[in-house]
Amino acid sequence: MPGLPRPVLCALALAALAGGCIGRVTDSPAPVDQLAPGRWTALTPMPTPRQEVAVAAWRDRVWVIGGFGESAEPMTTVETYDPSLNVWETRASLPVPVHHAAAAVVGDRLFVVGGYTGGRVQWTPLDSVYEFVAARERWEARAPMPTARGGLAVAVLDGRLHALGGASDGASNAHEVYEPDANRWTRANAMPTARDHLAAVAFQGRVWALGGRASFRGEQYGNVEVYDPSTDSWRTAPPLPAARGGLAAAALPDRIFVFGGEAPFRIFSATEMYETVGNRWIAKEPMPTPRHGIGAAVIGGRVYLPGGATQPGFAPTAANEVYTP
């Protein structure tokens, strides 16, 4: 969704009047795992309610970066959550306000990539890349992406950051790869499906692109496409049980999880797991707080999901919940 004037969100005027675009909650249509559904736990809420955030796990903290809150304006806010103490801390702000960005850790380096700046009037896609330098407690600019875009997804494989999809003027199938040591971007084989608001993970030596959409009111994708860097090629995997955008994804060594998301007039509570043995998706315990515009971070085998929106379109929340498989 490259700009607010386009029909990619419910109208903000309506959101201001109605508190968001009311939608029904949808759970997963996949077979339910009755033996091991997993468990959700509510944690200390974020200090700043916000959605369309970038999320990453770095140095045993959950980092929540940018987004927009109740004013629908982009934010520079960065907050970290300490699971061991169940507390939040404010960190150095971003150099520019941004929403719909993506965050990832490469080695011991934390990056924030792309997104949009601008709020109620017009969104401007960004090509910016920032690295958090802990020794100076500040964000520093790195080589920009070749393609400016927001609503993208990133995954890290073999020391390289893969930036997938997103939108600038319409949904993109861009696939660009960042090498931090060289501070250099290269283009890789494009995704078969152009989409934004997708999720991505690195899993068993491949990059997986999951879900997404053509636009808020346009086609919603259940597509799962898998990139093999050794051959610079894509293949398909079993699709998600329910097509949607705005979802989050996380990978453990032997499985992939997807969480939440939205589609027109629907918000998802779904927690779903890709089962490698059966080559299928199965449903787990639904999210206590259905949300989209979220990110996921894995620490100690548990998946943390802070923030997001509780209605289709605009409805920021401070919810902070963890899933234990």
C-alpha atoms as a PDB file:
ATOM      1  CA  MET A   1       0.000   0.000   0.000  1.00  0.00           C
ATOM      2  CA  PRO A   2       2.129   2.857  -1.299  1.00  0.00           C
ATOM      3  CA  GLY A   3      -0.067   5.815  -0.318  1.00  0.00           C
ATOM      4  CA  LEU A   4      -3.084   6.684   1.731  1.00  0.00           C
ATOM      5  CA  PRO A   5      -5.111   8.170  -1.169  1.00  0.00           C
ATOM      6  CA  ARG A   6      -5.230   4.737  -2.805  1.00  0.00           C
ATOM      7  CA  PRO A   7      -7.780   2.144  -1.653  1.00  0.00           C
ATOM      8  CA  VAL A   8      -5.266   0.174   0.351  1.00  0.00           C
ATOM      9  CA  LEU A   9      -6.643   0.963   3.785  1.00  0.00           C
ATOM     10  CA  CYS A  10     -10.113   1.657   5.078  1.00  0.00           C
ATOM     11  CA  ALA A  11     -10.466   5.457   4.900  1.00  0.00           C
ATOM     12  CA  LEU A  12      -8.740   7.131   7.804  1.00  0.00           C
ATOM     13  CA  ALA A  13     -11.692   9.447   8.152  1.00  0.00           C
ATOM     14  CA  LEU A  14     -13.852   6.413   8.799  1.00  0.00           C
ATOM     15  CA  ALA A  15     -11.213   5.013  11.123  1.00  0.00           C
ATOM     16  CA  ALA A  16     -11.241   8.233  13.107  1.00  0.00           C
ATOM     17  CA  LEU A  17     -15.009   8.084  13.417  1.00  0.00           C
ATOM     18  CA  ALA A  18     -15.442   4.386  13.932  1.00  0.00           C
ATOM     19  CA  GLY A  19     -12.185   3.450  15.656  1.00  0.00           C
ATOM     20  CA  GLY A  20     -11.046   1.311  12.747  1.00  0.00           C
ATOM     21  CA  CYS A  21     -12.683  -0.790  10.035  1.00  0.00           C
ATOM     22  CA  ILE A  22     -14.741  -3.354  11.858  1.00  0.00           C
ATOM     23  CA  GLY A  23     -14.091  -6.851  10.593  1.00  0.00           C
ATOM     24  CA  ARG A  24     -14.907 -10.353  11.666  1.00  0.00           C
ATOM     25  CA  VAL A  25     -12.239 -12.499  13.304  1.00  0.00           C
ATOM     26  CA  THR A  26     -11.154 -15.480  11.237  1.00  0.00           C
ATOM     27  CA  ASP A  27      -9.349 -18.499  12.608  1.00  0.00           C
ATOM     28  CA  SER A  28      -7.456 -21.070  10.555  1.00  0.00           C
ATOM     29  CA  PRO A  29      -9.353 -23.538   8.356  1.00  0.00           C
ATOM     30  CA  ALA A  30      -6.463 -26.010   8.660  1.00  0.00           C
ATOM     31  CA  PRO A  31      -6.703 -29.251  10.669  1.00  0.00           C
ATOM     32  CA  VAL A  32      -6.212 -28.473  14.360  1.00  0.00           C
ATOM     33  CA  ASP A  33      -3.357 -30.068  16.298  1.00  0.00           C
ATOM     34  CA  GLN A  34      -5.225 -31.395  19.319  1.00  0.00           C
ATOM     35  CA  LEU A  35      -2.176 -32.994  20.960  1.00  0.00           C
ATOM     36  CA  ALA A  36       0.225 -30.042  20.939  1.00  0.00           C
ATOM     37  CA  PRO A  37      -1.628 -26.795  20.218  1.00  0.00           C
ATOM     38  CA  GLY A  38       0.936 -24.641  21.999  1.00  0.00           C
ATOM     39  CA  ARG A  39       0.300 -21.940  24.574  1.00  0.00           C
ATOM     40  CA  TRP A  40      -0.078 -18.151  24.460  1.00  0.00           C
ATOM     41  CA  THR A  41       0.915 -15.867  27.344  1.00  0.00           C
ATOM     42  CA  ALA A  42       0.168 -12.159  27.747  1.00  0.00           C
ATOM     43  CA  LEU A  43       3.195 -10.052  28.687  1.00  0.00           C
ATOM     44  CA  THR A  44       3.798  -6.432  29.706  1.00  0.00           C
ATOM     45  CA  PRO A  45       2.251  -4.270  26.958  1.00  0.00           C
ATOM     46  CA  MET A  46       4.386  -2.015  24.801  1.00  0.00           C
ATOM     47  CA  PRO A  47       4.789   1.523  26.158  1.00  0.00           C
ATOM     48  CA  THR A  48       3.724   2.912  22.769  1.00  0.00           C
ATOM     49  CA  PRO A  49       0.751   1.333  20.946  1.00  0.00           C
ATOM     50  CA  ARG A  50       1.592   1.028  17.244  1.00  0.00           C
ATOM     51  CA  GLN A  51       1.147  -1.040  14.112  1.00  0.00           C
ATOM     52  CA  GLU A  52       3.109  -1.708  10.899  1.00  0.00           C
ATOM     53  CA  VAL A  53       6.219  -2.142  13.010  1.00  0.00           C
ATOM     54  CA  ALA A  54       9.574  -3.737  12.257  1.00  0.00           C
ATOM     55  CA  VAL A  55      10.482  -6.469  14.757  1.00  0.00           C
ATOM     56  CA  ALA A  56      13.676  -8.432  15.399  1.00  0.00           C
ATOM     57  CA  ALA A  57      15.391 -10.428  18.143  1.00  0.00           C
ATOM     58  CA  TRP A  58      18.843  -9.065  18.964  1.00  0.00           C
ATOM     59  CA  ARG A  59      21.052  -9.643  21.993  1.00  0.00           C
ATOM     60  CA  ASP A  60      18.275 -11.386  23.924  1.00  0.00           C
ATOM     61  CA  ARG A  61      15.847  -8.511  23.445  1.00  0.00           C
ATOM     62  CA  VAL A  62      12.810  -8.038  21.234  1.00  0.00           C
ATOM     63  CA  TRP A  63      13.267  -4.840  19.206  1.00  0.00           C
ATOM     64  CA  VAL A  64      10.161  -2.989  17.980  1.00  0.00           C
ATOM     65  CA  ILE A  65      11.044  -0.264  15.512  1.00  0.00           C
ATOM     66  CA  GLY A  66       9.000   2.539  13.929  1.00  0.00           C
ATOM     67  CA  GLY A  67       5.397   2.049  12.873  1.00  0.00           C
ATOM     68  CA  PHE A  68       2.484   4.395  13.371  1.00  0.00           C
ATOM     69  CA  GLY A  69       0.255   4.960  16.337  1.00  0.00           C
ATOM     70  CA  GLU A  70      -3.003   6.656  17.165  1.00  0.00           C
ATOM     71  CA  SER A  71      -2.219   9.773  15.116  1.00  0.00           C
ATOM     72  CA  ALA A  72      -1.611   7.694  11.945  1.00  0.00           C
ATOM     73  CA  GLU A  73       1.731   9.460  11.561  1.00  0.00           C
ATOM     74  CA  PRO A  74       5.042   7.575  11.157  1.00  0.00           C
ATOM     75  CA  MET A  75       7.221   7.215  14.222  1.00  0.00           C
ATOM     76  CA  THR A  76      10.924   7.189  15.074  1.00  0.00           C
ATOM     77  CA  THR A  77      10.206   5.236  18.265  1.00  0.00           C
ATOM     78  CA  VAL A  78      12.386   2.240  19.144  1.00  0.00           C
ATOM     79  CA  GLU A  79      11.588   0.128  22.198  1.00  0.00           C
ATOM     80  CA  THR A  80      13.091  -3.135  23.399  1.00  0.00           C
ATOM     81  CA  TYR A  81      11.549  -5.874  25.512  1.00  0.00           C
ATOM     82  CA  ASP A  82      13.559  -7.983  27.963  1.00  0.00           C
ATOM     83  CA  PRO A  83      11.890 -11.403  28.350  1.00  0.00           C
ATOM     84  CA  SER A  84      13.912 -12.241  31.433  1.00  0.00           C
ATOM     85  CA  LEU A  85      12.520  -9.229  33.333  1.00  0.00           C
ATOM     86  CA  ASN A  86       9.240  -8.664  31.436  1.00  0.00           C
ATOM     87  CA  VAL A  87      10.097  -4.978  31.040  1.00  0.00           C
ATOM     88  CA  TRP A  88      10.462  -2.450  28.208  1.00  0.00           C
ATOM     89  CA  GLU A  89      13.194   0.102  27.557  1.00  0.00           C
ATOM     90  CA  THR A  90      13.293   3.070  25.169  1.00  0.00           C
ATOM     91  CA  ARG A  91      16.279   3.088  22.824  1.00  0.00           C
ATOM     92  CA  ALA A  92      17.791   5.579  20.381  1.00  0.00           C
ATOM     93  CA  SER A  93      15.220   6.870  17.884  1.00  0.00           C
ATOM     94  CA  LEU A  94      15.452   6.286  14.158  1.00  0.00           C
ATOM     95  CA  PRO A  95      16.881   9.174  12.102  1.00  0.00           C
ATOM     96  CA  VAL A  96      13.578   9.457  10.196  1.00  0.00           C
ATOM     97  CA  PRO A  97      10.006   8.454  11.031  1.00  0.00           C
ATOM     98  CA  VAL A  98       9.068   5.244   9.252  1.00  0.00           C
ATOM     99  CA  HIS A  99       6.312   2.631   9.066  1.00  0.00           C
ATOM    100  CA  HIS A 100       5.976  -0.633   7.110  1.00  0.00           C
ATOM    101  CA  ALA A 101       9.749  -1.202   7.377  1.00  0.00           C
ATOM    102  CA  ALA A 102      11.481  -4.547   7.977  1.00  0.00           C
ATOM    103  CA  ALA A 103      14.181  -5.493  10.480  1.00  0.00           C
ATOM    104  CA  ALA A 104      16.711  -8.317  10.551  1.00  0.00           C
ATOM    105  CA  VAL A 105      19.863  -9.460  12.300  1.00  0.00           C
ATOM    106  CA  VAL A 106      22.897 -10.528  10.274  1.00  0.00           C
ATOM    107  CA  GLY A 107      25.530 -12.076  12.505  1.00  0.00           C
ATOM    108  CA  ASP A 108      25.568  -9.645  15.431  1.00  0.00           C
ATOM    109  CA  ARG A 109      24.364  -6.655  13.422  1.00  0.00           C
ATOM    110  CA  LEU A 110      20.842  -5.199  13.495  1.00  0.00           C
ATOM    111  CA  PHE A 111      19.398  -3.537  10.380  1.00  0.00           C
ATOM    112  CA  VAL A 112      16.175  -1.729   9.454  1.00  0.00           C
ATOM    113  CA  VAL A 113      15.309  -1.703   5.761  1.00  0.00           C
ATOM    114  CA  GLY A 114      12.873   0.305   3.636  1.00  0.00           C
ATOM    115  CA  GLY A 115       9.367   1.298   4.694  1.00  0.00           C
ATOM    116  CA  TYR A 116       7.378   4.468   4.139  1.00  0.00           C
ATOM    117  CA  THR A 117       7.592   7.938   5.561  1.00  0.00           C
ATOM    118  CA  GLY A 118       4.688  10.367   5.503  1.00  0.00           C
ATOM    119  CA  GLY A 119       1.371  10.000   7.245  1.00  0.00           C
ATOM    120  CA  ARG A 120      -2.216  10.974   6.565  1.00  0.00           C
ATOM    121  CA  VAL A 121      -1.647  12.749   3.235  1.00  0.00           C
ATOM    122  CA  GLN A 122       0.841  10.704   1.245  1.00  0.00           C
ATOM    123  CA  TRP A 123       3.210   7.838   1.879  1.00  0.00           C
ATOM    124  CA  THR A 124       6.697   7.983   0.333  1.00  0.00           C
ATOM    125  CA  PRO A 125       8.543   4.671  -0.176  1.00  0.00           C
ATOM    126  CA  LEU A 126      12.081   4.557   1.209  1.00  0.00           C
ATOM    127  CA  ASP A 127      15.261   2.871   0.012  1.00  0.00           C
ATOM    128  CA  SER A 128      17.011   3.556   3.315  1.00  0.00           C
ATOM    129  CA  VAL A 129      19.028   1.058   5.341  1.00  0.00           C
ATOM    130  CA  TYR A 130      20.050   1.781   8.913  1.00  0.00           C
ATOM    131  CA  GLU A 131      22.277  -0.202  11.251  1.00  0.00           C
ATOM    132  CA  PHE A 132      22.099   0.152  15.017  1.00  0.00           C
ATOM    133  CA  VAL A 133      25.588   0.781  16.412  1.00  0.00           C
ATOM    134  CA  ALA A 134      25.406  -0.174  20.065  1.00  0.00           C
ATOM    135  CA  ALA A 135      28.737   1.396  21.019  1.00  0.00           C
ATOM    136  CA  ARG A 136      27.379   4.808  19.997  1.00  0.00           C
ATOM    137  CA  GLU A 137      23.695   4.075  20.761  1.00  0.00           C
ATOM    138  CA  ARG A 138      22.612   5.393  17.385  1.00  0.00           C
ATOM    139  CA  TRP A 139      21.385   4.384  13.945  1.00  0.00           C
ATOM    140  CA  GLU A 140      23.777   4.867  11.033  1.00  0.00           C
ATOM    141  CA  ALA A 141      22.956   4.882   7.321  1.00  0.00           C
ATOM    142  CA  ARG A 142      24.220   2.109   5.061  1.00  0.00           C
ATOM    143  CA  ALA A 143      24.023   1.547   1.298  1.00  0.00           C
ATOM    144  CA  PRO A 144      20.420   2.077   0.139  1.00  0.00           C
ATOM    145  CA  MET A 145      18.298  -0.617  -1.497  1.00  0.00           C
ATOM    146  CA  PRO A 146      18.159  -0.504  -5.288  1.00  0.00           C
ATOM    147  CA  THR A 147      14.331  -0.400  -5.097  1.00  0.00           C
ATOM    148  CA  ALA A 148      12.544   1.914  -2.662  1.00  0.00           C
ATOM    149  CA  ARG A 149       9.570   0.133  -1.073  1.00  0.00           C
ATOM    150  CA  GLY A 150       7.528  -0.428   2.042  1.00  0.00           C
ATOM    151  CA  GLY A 151       5.478  -3.392   3.160  1.00  0.00           C
ATOM    152  CA  LEU A 152       8.404  -5.658   2.277  1.00  0.00           C
ATOM    153  CA  ALA A 153       9.756  -8.720   4.095  1.00  0.00           C
ATOM    154  CA  VAL A 154      13.323  -9.739   4.874  1.00  0.00           C
ATOM    155  CA  ALA A 155      15.083 -12.996   5.696  1.00  0.00           C
ATOM    156  CA  VAL A 156      18.726 -13.718   6.532  1.00  0.00           C
ATOM    157  CA  LEU A 157      20.548 -16.685   5.032  1.00  0.00           C
ATOM    158  CA  ASP A 158      24.284 -17.411   5.002  1.00  0.00           C
ATOM    159  CA  GLY A 159      25.199 -13.926   6.171  1.00  0.00           C
ATOM    160  CA  ARG A 160      23.108 -12.131   3.559  1.00  0.00           C
ATOM    161  CA  LEU A 161      19.877 -10.214   3.924  1.00  0.00           C
ATOM    162  CA  HIS A 162      17.199 -10.964   1.306  1.00  0.00           C
ATOM    163  CA  ALA A 163      14.650  -8.146   0.809  1.00  0.00           C
ATOM    164  CA  LEU A 164      11.472  -9.397  -0.854  1.00  0.00           C
ATOM    165  CA  GLY A 165       8.415  -7.757  -2.375  1.00  0.00           C
ATOM    166  CA  GLY A 166       6.762  -4.675  -0.954  1.00  0.00           C
ATOM    167  CA  ALA A 167       5.302  -1.774  -2.898  1.00  0.00           C
ATOM    168  CA  SER A 168       6.270   1.615  -4.231  1.00  0.00           C
ATOM    169  CA  ASP A 169       3.732   2.239  -6.991  1.00  0.00           C
ATOM    170  CA  GLY A 170       1.970  -1.102  -6.880  1.00  0.00           C
ATOM    171  CA  ALA A 171       3.027  -4.487  -5.559  1.00  0.00           C
ATOM    172  CA  SER A 172       6.579  -5.563  -6.390  1.00  0.00           C
ATOM    173  CA  ASN A 173       8.304  -8.901  -6.942  1.00  0.00           C
ATOM    174  CA  ALA A 174      11.726  -7.365  -6.234  1.00  0.00           C
ATOM    175  CA  HIS A 175      14.335  -9.624  -4.674  1.00  0.00           C
ATOM    176  CA  GLU A 176      17.501  -7.832  -3.626  1.00  0.00           C
ATOM    177  CA  VAL A 177      20.337  -9.122  -1.465  1.00  0.00           C
ATOM    178  CA  TYR A 178      22.463  -7.114   0.961  1.00  0.00           C
ATOM    179  CA  GLU A 179      25.984  -8.131   2.008  1.00  0.00           C
ATOM    180  CA  PRO A 180      26.801  -6.227   5.221  1.00  0.00           C
ATOM    181  CA  ASP A 181      30.558  -6.789   5.142  1.00  0.00           C
ATOM    182  CA  ALA A 182      30.785  -5.245   1.681  1.00  0.00           C
ATOM    183  CA  ASN A 183      27.908  -2.798   2.315  1.00  0.00           C
ATOM    184  CA  ARG A 184      26.605  -3.763  -1.127  1.00  0.00           C
ATOM    185  CA  TRP A 185      23.293  -4.733  -2.743  1.00  0.00           C
ATOM    186  CA  THR A 186      22.804  -7.084  -5.676  1.00  0.00           C
ATOM    187  CA  ARG A 187      19.668  -8.225  -7.495  1.00  0.00           C
ATOM    188  CA  ALA A 188      18.599 -11.870  -7.357  1.00  0.00           C
ATOM    189  CA  ASN A 189      15.920 -13.809  -9.236  1.00  0.00           C
ATOM    190  CA  ALA A 190      12.608 -12.017  -8.663  1.00  0.00           C
ATOM    191  CA  MET A 191       9.761 -13.656  -6.760  1.00  0.00           C
ATOM    192  CA  PRO A 192       7.228 -15.361  -9.029  1.00  0.00           C
ATOM    193  CA  THR A 193       4.398 -13.454  -7.322  1.00  0.00           C
ATOM    194  CA  ALA A 194       4.491  -9.669  -6.944  1.00  0.00           C
ATOM    195  CA  ARG A 195       3.098  -8.811  -3.503  1.00  0.00           C
ATOM    196  CA  ASP A 196       3.386  -6.617  -0.452  1.00  0.00           C
ATOM    197  CA  HIS A 197       2.525  -7.190   3.214  1.00  0.00           C
ATOM    198  CA  LEU A 198       4.096 -10.644   2.947  1.00  0.00           C
ATOM    199  CA  ALA A 199       6.236 -12.493   5.496  1.00  0.00           C
ATOM    200  CA  ALA A 200       9.577 -14.212   4.973  1.00  0.00           C
ATOM    201  CA  VAL A 201      11.861 -16.599   6.860  1.00  0.00           C
ATOM    202  CA  ALA A 202      15.065 -18.507   6.262  1.00  0.00           C
ATOM    203  CA  PHE A 203      14.433 -22.216   6.756  1.00  0.00           C
ATOM    204  CA  GLN A 204      16.612 -25.249   6.046  1.00  0.00           C
ATOM    205  CA  GLY A 205      18.917 -23.428   3.651  1.00  0.00           C
ATOM    206  CA  ARG A 206      16.168 -21.680   1.684  1.00  0.00           C
ATOM    207  CA  VAL A 207      14.304 -18.361   1.787  1.00  0.00           C
ATOM    208  CA  TRP A 208      10.539 -18.748   2.144  1.00  0.00           C
ATOM    209  CA  ALA A 209       8.106 -16.018   1.049  1.00  0.00           C
ATOM    210  CA  LEU A 210       4.661 -16.423   2.577  1.00  0.00           C
ATOM    211  CA  GLY A 211       1.300 -14.775   1.916  1.00  0.00           C
ATOM    212  CA  GLY A 212       0.866 -11.123   1.072  1.00  0.00           C
ATOM    213  CA  ARG A 213      -1.446  -9.277  -1.282  1.00  0.00           C
ATOM    214  CA  ALA A 214      -1.792  -7.172  -4.402  1.00  0.00           C
ATOM    215  CA  SER A 215      -3.509  -4.390  -2.436  1.00  0.00           C
ATOM    216  CA  PHE A 216      -5.757  -4.003   0.599  1.00  0.00           C
ATOM    217  CA  ARG A 217      -8.928  -4.598  -1.421  1.00  0.00           C
ATOM    218  CA  GLY A 218      -7.224  -6.597  -4.153  1.00  0.00           C
ATOM    219  CA  GLU A 219      -6.163 -10.214  -4.375  1.00  0.00           C
ATOM    220  CA  GLN A 220      -4.945 -11.834  -1.173  1.00  0.00           C
ATOM    221  CA  TYR A 221      -2.281 -14.501  -1.587  1.00  0.00           C
ATOM    222  CA  GLY A 222      -1.774 -17.814   0.142  1.00  0.00           C
ATOM    223  CA  ASN A 223       1.252 -18.439  -2.062  1.00  0.00           C
ATOM    224  CA  VAL A 224       4.335 -19.934  -0.459  1.00  0.00           C
ATOM    225  CA  GLU A 225       7.396 -19.622  -2.693  1.00  0.00           C
ATOM    226  CA  VAL A 226      10.824 -20.982  -1.798  1.00  0.00           C
ATOM    227  CA  TYR A 227      14.133 -19.589  -3.060  1.00  0.00           C
ATOM    228  CA  ASP A 228      17.258 -21.736  -3.443  1.00  0.00           C
ATOM    229  CA  PRO A 229      20.364 -19.489  -3.480  1.00  0.00           C
ATOM    230  CA  SER A 230      22.535 -22.270  -4.918  1.00  0.00           C
ATOM    231  CA  THR A 231      20.552 -22.222  -8.174  1.00  0.00           C
ATOM    232  CA  ASP A 232      19.028 -18.715  -7.967  1.00  0.00           C
ATOM    233  CA  SER A 233      15.637 -20.319  -8.536  1.00  0.00           C
ATOM    234  CA  TRP A 234      12.169 -20.491  -6.972  1.00  0.00           C
ATOM    235  CA  ARG A 235       9.754 -23.347  -6.370  1.00  0.00           C
ATOM    236  CA  THR A 236       6.337 -23.523  -4.747  1.00  0.00           C
ATOM    237  CA  ALA A 237       5.445 -25.120  -1.417  1.00  0.00           C
ATOM    238  CA  PRO A 238       2.002 -25.927   0.042  1.00  0.00           C
ATOM    239  CA  PRO A 239      -0.012 -22.683   0.229  1.00  0.00           C
ATOM    240  CA  LEU A 240      -1.207 -21.140   3.447  1.00  0.00           C
ATOM    241  CA  PRO A 241      -4.586 -22.437   4.640  1.00  0.00           C
ATOM    242  CA  ALA A 242      -5.993 -18.882   4.397  1.00  0.00           C
ATOM    243  CA  ALA A 243      -4.790 -16.181   2.010  1.00  0.00           C
ATOM    244  CA  ARG A 244      -4.020 -12.835   3.645  1.00  0.00           C
ATOM    245  CA  GLY A 245      -1.531 -10.029   4.075  1.00  0.00           C
ATOM    246  CA  GLY A 246      -0.119  -8.288   7.125  1.00  0.00           C
ATOM    247  CA  LEU A 247       0.890 -11.573   8.754  1.00  0.00           C
ATOM    248  CA  ALA A 248       4.047 -12.455  10.678  1.00  0.00           C
ATOM    249  CA  ALA A 249       6.261 -15.519  10.364  1.00  0.00           C
ATOM    250  CA  ALA A 250       8.953 -17.221  12.421  1.00  0.00           C
ATOM    251  CA  ALA A 251      11.175 -20.240  11.838  1.00  0.00           C
ATOM    252  CA  LEU A 252      12.424 -22.787  14.346  1.00  0.00           C
ATOM    253  CA  PRO A 253      14.956 -25.421  13.254  1.00  0.00           C
ATOM    254  CA  ASP A 254      12.275 -27.929  12.223  1.00  0.00           C
ATOM    255  CA  ARG A 255       9.145 -25.862  11.513  1.00  0.00           C
ATOM    256  CA  ILE A 256       7.688 -22.568  10.331  1.00  0.00           C
ATOM    257  CA  PHE A 257       4.931 -20.606  12.047  1.00  0.00           C
ATOM    258  CA  VAL A 258       2.669 -17.881  10.658  1.00  0.00           C
ATOM    259  CA  PHE A 259       0.506 -15.594  12.772  1.00  0.00           C
ATOM    260  CA  GLY A 260      -2.451 -13.256  12.299  1.00  0.00           C
ATOM    261  CA  GLY A 261      -2.952 -11.036   9.246  1.00  0.00           C
ATOM    262  CA  GLU A 262      -5.819  -9.251   7.539  1.00  0.00           C
ATOM    263  CA  ALA A 263      -7.993  -9.332   4.443  1.00  0.00           C
ATOM    264  CA  PRO A 264     -10.844  -6.972   3.484  1.00  0.00           C
ATOM    265  CA  PHE A 265     -13.198  -6.771   6.473  1.00  0.00           C
ATOM    266  CA  ARG A 266     -11.434  -9.665   8.203  1.00  0.00           C
ATOM    267  CA  ILE A 267      -8.815  -9.922  10.920  1.00  0.00           C
ATOM    268  CA  PHE A 268      -7.041 -13.218  11.610  1.00  0.00           C
ATOM    269  CA  SER A 269      -6.402 -14.940  14.916  1.00  0.00           C
ATOM    270  CA  ALA A 270      -4.776 -17.869  13.117  1.00  0.00           C
ATOM    271  CA  THR A 271      -1.626 -19.561  14.365  1.00  0.00           C
ATOM    272  CA  GLU A 272      -0.430 -22.079  11.775  1.00  0.00           C
ATOM    273  CA  MET A 273       2.585 -24.345  11.522  1.00  0.00           C
ATOM    274  CA  TYR A 274       4.237 -25.889   8.488  1.00  0.00           C
ATOM    275  CA  GLU A 275       4.910 -29.538   9.285  1.00  0.00           C
ATOM    276  CA  THR A 276       7.892 -30.815   7.308  1.00  0.00           C
ATOM    277  CA  VAL A 277       7.105 -34.517   7.818  1.00  0.00           C
ATOM    278  CA  GLY A 278       3.598 -34.211   6.414  1.00  0.00           C
ATOM    279  CA  ASN A 279       4.479 -31.349   4.025  1.00  0.00           C
ATOM    280  CA  ARG A 280       1.340 -29.546   5.208  1.00  0.00           C
ATOM    281  CA  TRP A 281       0.048 -26.694   7.329  1.00  0.00           C
ATOM    282  CA  ILE A 282      -1.739 -27.409  10.600  1.00  0.00           C
ATOM    283  CA  ALA A 283      -3.530 -25.072  13.001  1.00  0.00           C
ATOM    284  CA  LYS A 284      -2.349 -24.318  16.527  1.00  0.00           C
ATOM    285  CA  GLU A 285      -3.850 -22.370  19.410  1.00  0.00           C
ATOM    286  CA  PRO A 286      -5.263 -19.090  17.987  1.00  0.00           C
ATOM    287  CA  MET A 287      -3.792 -15.736  18.993  1.00  0.00           C
ATOM    288  CA  PRO A 288      -5.504 -14.230  22.062  1.00  0.00           C
ATOM    289  CA  THR A 289      -5.406 -10.821  20.357  1.00  0.00           C
ATOM    290  CA  PRO A 290      -6.071 -11.123  16.593  1.00  0.00           C
ATOM    291  CA  ARG A 291      -3.772  -8.688  14.799  1.00  0.00           C
ATOM    292  CA  HIS A 292      -2.074  -7.613  11.599  1.00  0.00           C
ATOM    293  CA  GLY A 293       0.807  -5.224  10.936  1.00  0.00           C
ATOM    294  CA  ILE A 294       2.968  -7.281  13.278  1.00  0.00           C
ATOM    295  CA  GLY A 295       6.373  -8.907  13.347  1.00  0.00           C
ATOM    296  CA  ALA A 296       7.703 -11.970  15.132  1.00  0.00           C
ATOM    297  CA  ALA A 297      10.910 -12.524  17.107  1.00  0.00           C
ATOM    298  CA  VAL A 298      12.255 -15.848  18.389  1.00  0.00           C
ATOM    299  CA  ILE A 299      14.167 -16.009  21.673  1.00  0.00           C
ATOM    300  CA  GLY A 300      14.771 -19.254  23.524  1.00  0.00           C
ATOM    301  CA  GLY A 301      12.426 -21.232  21.295  1.00  0.00           C
ATOM    302  CA  ARG A 302       9.460 -18.936  22.045  1.00  0.00           C
ATOM    303  CA  VAL A 303       7.882 -16.555  19.523  1.00  0.00           C
ATOM    304  CA  TYR A 304       7.177 -12.969  20.623  1.00  0.00           C
ATOM    305  CA  LEU A 305       4.575 -10.849  18.804  1.00  0.00           C
ATOM    306  CA  PRO A 306       4.368  -7.217  19.949  1.00  0.00           C
ATOM    307  CA  GLY A 307       2.037  -4.493  18.682  1.00  0.00           C
ATOM    308  CA  GLY A 308       0.010  -4.507  15.474  1.00  0.00           C
ATOM    309  CA  ALA A 309      -3.585  -3.534  14.744  1.00  0.00           C
ATOM    310  CA  THR A 310      -6.734  -5.171  16.077  1.00  0.00           C
ATOM    311  CA  GLN A 311      -9.052  -4.298  13.169  1.00  0.00           C
ATOM    312  CA  PRO A 312      -8.520  -4.296   9.393  1.00  0.00           C
ATOM    313  CA  GLY A 313      -6.848  -1.037   8.419  1.00  0.00           C
ATOM    314  CA  PHE A 314      -6.085   1.246  11.341  1.00  0.00           C
ATOM    315  CA  ALA A 315      -6.366   0.203  15.013  1.00  0.00           C
ATOM    316  CA  PRO A 316      -2.962   0.241  16.804  1.00  0.00           C
ATOM    317  CA  THR A 317      -2.484  -1.816  19.948  1.00  0.00           C
ATOM    318  CA  ALA A 318       0.101  -2.214  22.719  1.00  0.00           C
ATOM    319  CA  ALA A 319      -0.525  -5.977  22.960  1.00  0.00           C
ATOM    320  CA  ASN A 320       2.536  -8.085  23.641  1.00  0.00           C
ATOM    321  CA  GLU A 321       2.080 -11.859  23.603  1.00  0.00           C
ATOM    322  CA  VAL A 322       4.384 -14.863  23.379  1.00  0.00           C
ATOM    323  CA  TYR A 323       3.697 -18.246  21.827  1.00  0.00           C
ATOM    324  CA  THR A 324       5.292 -21.346  23.316  1.00  0.00           C
ATOM    325  CA  PRO A 325       5.127 -24.270  20.820  1.00  0.00           C
END
